[in-house]
Amino acid sequence: MGITNVILTVREHRKSGKSAEVEFLVDSGAVYRLVPGKILDELGIEPYREMGFSLADGTTVKRQISAAYFEFKGEG
């Protein structure tokens, strides 16, 4: 597994007029993307549920989950 930094465009949905360019640390083994709440608020993306996640040290944290559309170099 490897990691790298990329800039992705984040939108509420594919045809949304609002978007934000966000730098991500990409881990090839990751399942979820983490976007700062402030950016999601600006884009009008609201959470639809909360999930628990286990961290490497064994603790569990709860985070809100939203759906979003991501593009890399103009491709979704």
N, C-alpha and C. Protein backbone atom coordinates (compact mmCIF):
# COMPACT_ATOMS: atom_id res chain seq x y z
N MET A 1 0.83 -1.18 0.00
CA MET A 1 0.00 0.00 0.00
C MET A 1 0.88 1.25 0.00
N GLY A 2 0.40 2.28 -0.69
CA GLY A 2 1.16 3.51 -0.75
C GLY A 2 0.29 4.71 -0.48
N ILE A 3 0.93 5.84 -0.22
CA ILE A 3 0.19 7.07 0.01
C ILE A 3 0.77 8.18 -0.87
N THR A 4 -0.09 9.11 -1.25
CA THR A 4 0.30 10.25 -2.07
C THR A 4 -0.69 11.39 -1.83
N ASN A 5 -0.35 12.59 -2.21
CA ASN A 5 -1.26 13.73 -2.11
C ASN A 5 -1.83 14.05 -3.49
N VAL A 6 -3.13 14.31 -3.54
CA VAL A 6 -3.79 14.73 -4.78
C VAL A 6 -4.81 15.82 -4.47
N ILE A 7 -5.13 16.60 -5.47
CA ILE A 7 -6.18 17.59 -5.33
C ILE A 7 -7.41 17.08 -6.08
N LEU A 8 -8.53 16.99 -5.37
CA LEU A 8 -9.80 16.54 -5.95
C LEU A 8 -10.82 17.66 -5.88
N THR A 9 -11.72 17.67 -6.84
CA THR A 9 -12.86 18.58 -6.79
C THR A 9 -13.98 17.85 -6.08
N VAL A 10 -14.58 18.52 -5.10
CA VAL A 10 -15.67 17.94 -4.33
C VAL A 10 -16.94 18.71 -4.64
N ARG A 11 -18.02 17.98 -4.92
CA ARG A 11 -19.33 18.57 -5.20
C ARG A 11 -20.40 17.78 -4.45
N GLU A 12 -21.58 18.40 -4.31
CA GLU A 12 -22.69 17.68 -3.69
C GLU A 12 -23.13 16.53 -4.61
N HIS A 13 -23.22 16.81 -5.89
CA HIS A 13 -23.56 15.79 -6.89
C HIS A 13 -22.90 16.19 -8.21
N ARG A 14 -22.94 15.33 -9.18
CA ARG A 14 -22.19 15.54 -10.42
C ARG A 14 -22.52 16.85 -11.12
N LYS A 15 -23.77 17.28 -11.09
CA LYS A 15 -24.18 18.49 -11.82
C LYS A 15 -24.24 19.72 -10.93
N SER A 16 -23.78 19.62 -9.69
CA SER A 16 -23.82 20.75 -8.77
C SER A 16 -22.94 21.89 -9.27
N GLY A 17 -23.44 23.12 -9.14
CA GLY A 17 -22.67 24.29 -9.55
C GLY A 17 -21.58 24.66 -8.55
N LYS A 18 -21.80 24.38 -7.28
CA LYS A 18 -20.81 24.68 -6.25
C LYS A 18 -19.79 23.55 -6.18
N SER A 19 -18.52 23.93 -6.02
CA SER A 19 -17.47 22.91 -5.86
C SER A 19 -16.33 23.50 -5.03
N ALA A 20 -15.47 22.63 -4.56
CA ALA A 20 -14.28 23.04 -3.81
C ALA A 20 -13.12 22.16 -4.21
N GLU A 21 -11.95 22.76 -4.34
CA GLU A 21 -10.72 22.02 -4.60
C GLU A 21 -10.12 21.67 -3.23
N VAL A 22 -9.93 20.39 -2.97
CA VAL A 22 -9.46 19.93 -1.66
C VAL A 22 -8.25 19.02 -1.85
N GLU A 23 -7.20 19.26 -1.07
CA GLU A 23 -6.02 18.39 -1.12
C GLU A 23 -6.25 17.21 -0.18
N PHE A 24 -6.05 16.00 -0.70
CA PHE A 24 -6.24 14.78 0.07
C PHE A 24 -4.94 14.01 0.17
N LEU A 25 -4.72 13.40 1.31
CA LEU A 25 -3.67 12.40 1.47
C LEU A 25 -4.33 11.08 1.13
N VAL A 26 -3.90 10.46 0.03
CA VAL A 26 -4.56 9.26 -0.47
C VAL A 26 -3.77 8.03 -0.03
N ASP A 27 -4.48 7.12 0.61
CA ASP A 27 -3.93 5.83 1.03
C ASP A 27 -4.63 4.76 0.20
N SER A 28 -3.88 3.95 -0.52
CA SER A 28 -4.49 2.97 -1.42
C SER A 28 -5.36 1.95 -0.69
N GLY A 29 -5.22 1.84 0.62
CA GLY A 29 -6.04 0.90 1.38
C GLY A 29 -7.24 1.54 2.04
N ALA A 30 -7.45 2.83 1.84
CA ALA A 30 -8.54 3.55 2.51
C ALA A 30 -9.88 3.27 1.83
N VAL A 31 -10.94 3.32 2.63
CA VAL A 31 -12.30 3.10 2.13
C VAL A 31 -13.09 4.41 2.10
N TYR A 32 -12.86 5.28 3.08
CA TYR A 32 -13.60 6.53 3.21
C TYR A 32 -12.72 7.72 2.90
N ARG A 33 -13.36 8.83 2.47
CA ARG A 33 -12.66 10.09 2.26
C ARG A 33 -13.08 11.03 3.37
N LEU A 34 -12.16 11.81 3.88
CA LEU A 34 -12.44 12.77 4.95
C LEU A 34 -12.35 14.18 4.39
N VAL A 35 -13.47 14.91 4.47
CA VAL A 35 -13.53 16.29 4.00
C VAL A 35 -13.85 17.17 5.20
N PRO A 36 -13.12 18.26 5.38
CA PRO A 36 -13.43 19.16 6.50
C PRO A 36 -14.89 19.60 6.50
N GLY A 37 -15.50 19.60 7.70
CA GLY A 37 -16.90 19.97 7.83
C GLY A 37 -17.22 21.35 7.29
N LYS A 38 -16.29 22.29 7.43
CA LYS A 38 -16.51 23.65 6.93
C LYS A 38 -16.73 23.64 5.42
N ILE A 39 -15.97 22.84 4.71
CA ILE A 39 -16.12 22.75 3.25
C ILE A 39 -17.46 22.11 2.90
N LEU A 40 -17.82 21.05 3.61
CA LEU A 40 -19.12 20.41 3.36
C LEU A 40 -20.26 21.38 3.60
N ASP A 41 -20.17 22.17 4.68
CA ASP A 41 -21.19 23.18 4.97
C ASP A 41 -21.29 24.19 3.84
N GLU A 42 -20.15 24.67 3.33
CA GLU A 42 -20.14 25.65 2.24
C GLU A 42 -20.77 25.09 0.96
N LEU A 43 -20.64 23.78 0.76
CA LEU A 43 -21.19 23.14 -0.44
C LEU A 43 -22.64 22.68 -0.24
N GLY A 44 -23.17 22.84 0.98
CA GLY A 44 -24.54 22.42 1.27
C GLY A 44 -24.70 20.93 1.42
N ILE A 45 -23.61 20.23 1.74
CA ILE A 45 -23.65 18.78 1.90
C ILE A 45 -23.90 18.46 3.37
N GLU A 46 -25.04 17.80 3.63
CA GLU A 46 -25.42 17.50 5.00
C GLU A 46 -25.24 16.03 5.33
N PRO A 47 -24.89 15.73 6.58
CA PRO A 47 -24.74 14.32 6.98
C PRO A 47 -26.08 13.60 7.01
N TYR A 48 -26.05 12.30 6.72
CA TYR A 48 -27.27 11.51 6.78
C TYR A 48 -27.23 10.44 7.87
N ARG A 49 -26.05 10.22 8.49
CA ARG A 49 -25.95 9.30 9.62
C ARG A 49 -24.62 9.48 10.32
N GLU A 50 -24.45 8.75 11.42
CA GLU A 50 -23.20 8.77 12.19
C GLU A 50 -22.69 7.35 12.29
N MET A 51 -21.36 7.18 12.20
CA MET A 51 -20.74 5.86 12.28
C MET A 51 -19.60 5.88 13.27
N GLY A 52 -19.32 4.72 13.85
CA GLY A 52 -18.16 4.57 14.71
C GLY A 52 -16.99 4.00 13.92
N PHE A 53 -15.79 4.47 14.21
CA PHE A 53 -14.57 4.01 13.55
C PHE A 53 -13.54 3.63 14.60
N SER A 54 -12.87 2.50 14.40
CA SER A 54 -11.81 2.07 15.31
C SER A 54 -10.48 2.63 14.84
N LEU A 55 -9.75 3.26 15.76
CA LEU A 55 -8.43 3.81 15.45
C LEU A 55 -7.35 2.77 15.73
N ALA A 56 -6.14 3.04 15.28
CA ALA A 56 -5.02 2.11 15.44
C ALA A 56 -4.73 1.80 16.90
N ASP A 57 -5.00 2.76 17.80
CA ASP A 57 -4.72 2.53 19.22
C ASP A 57 -5.86 1.82 19.94
N GLY A 58 -6.90 1.43 19.20
CA GLY A 58 -8.01 0.68 19.79
C GLY A 58 -9.19 1.53 20.22
N THR A 59 -9.04 2.84 20.23
CA THR A 59 -10.17 3.69 20.61
C THR A 59 -11.16 3.81 19.45
N THR A 60 -12.39 4.16 19.78
CA THR A 60 -13.43 4.34 18.77
C THR A 60 -13.86 5.78 18.76
N VAL A 61 -14.01 6.35 17.57
CA VAL A 61 -14.52 7.71 17.43
C VAL A 61 -15.77 7.64 16.56
N LYS A 62 -16.69 8.59 16.77
CA LYS A 62 -17.89 8.67 15.95
C LYS A 62 -17.75 9.87 15.00
N ARG A 63 -18.13 9.66 13.76
CA ARG A 63 -18.05 10.71 12.75
C ARG A 63 -19.35 10.72 11.94
N GLN A 64 -19.73 11.90 11.47
CA GLN A 64 -20.91 12.02 10.62
C GLN A 64 -20.55 11.61 9.20
N ILE A 65 -21.51 10.99 8.52
CA ILE A 65 -21.30 10.49 7.17
C ILE A 65 -22.18 11.27 6.20
N SER A 66 -21.60 11.69 5.08
CA SER A 66 -22.32 12.39 4.01
C SER A 66 -21.99 11.72 2.69
N ALA A 67 -22.77 12.01 1.68
CA ALA A 67 -22.48 11.56 0.32
C ALA A 67 -22.00 12.76 -0.48
N ALA A 68 -20.98 12.56 -1.31
CA ALA A 68 -20.45 13.63 -2.14
C ALA A 68 -19.92 13.04 -3.45
N TYR A 69 -19.72 13.91 -4.42
CA TYR A 69 -19.18 13.53 -5.73
C TYR A 69 -17.75 14.08 -5.82
N PHE A 70 -16.82 13.24 -6.26
CA PHE A 70 -15.41 13.62 -6.36
C PHE A 70 -14.94 13.52 -7.79
N GLU A 71 -14.11 14.49 -8.20
CA GLU A 71 -13.49 14.47 -9.53
C GLU A 71 -11.98 14.59 -9.38
N PHE A 72 -11.27 13.91 -10.27
CA PHE A 72 -9.82 14.00 -10.35
C PHE A 72 -9.47 14.45 -11.75
N LYS A 73 -8.90 15.63 -11.86
CA LYS A 73 -8.52 16.22 -13.16
C LYS A 73 -9.70 16.21 -14.14
N GLY A 74 -10.88 16.61 -13.63
CA GLY A 74 -12.06 16.73 -14.48
C GLY A 74 -12.82 15.45 -14.72
N GLU A 75 -12.33 14.35 -14.21
CA GLU A 75 -13.01 13.06 -14.40
C GLU A 75 -13.62 12.61 -13.10
N GLY A 76 -14.89 12.16 -13.14
CA GLY A 76 -15.58 11.71 -11.93
C GLY A 76 -15.53 10.23 -11.74
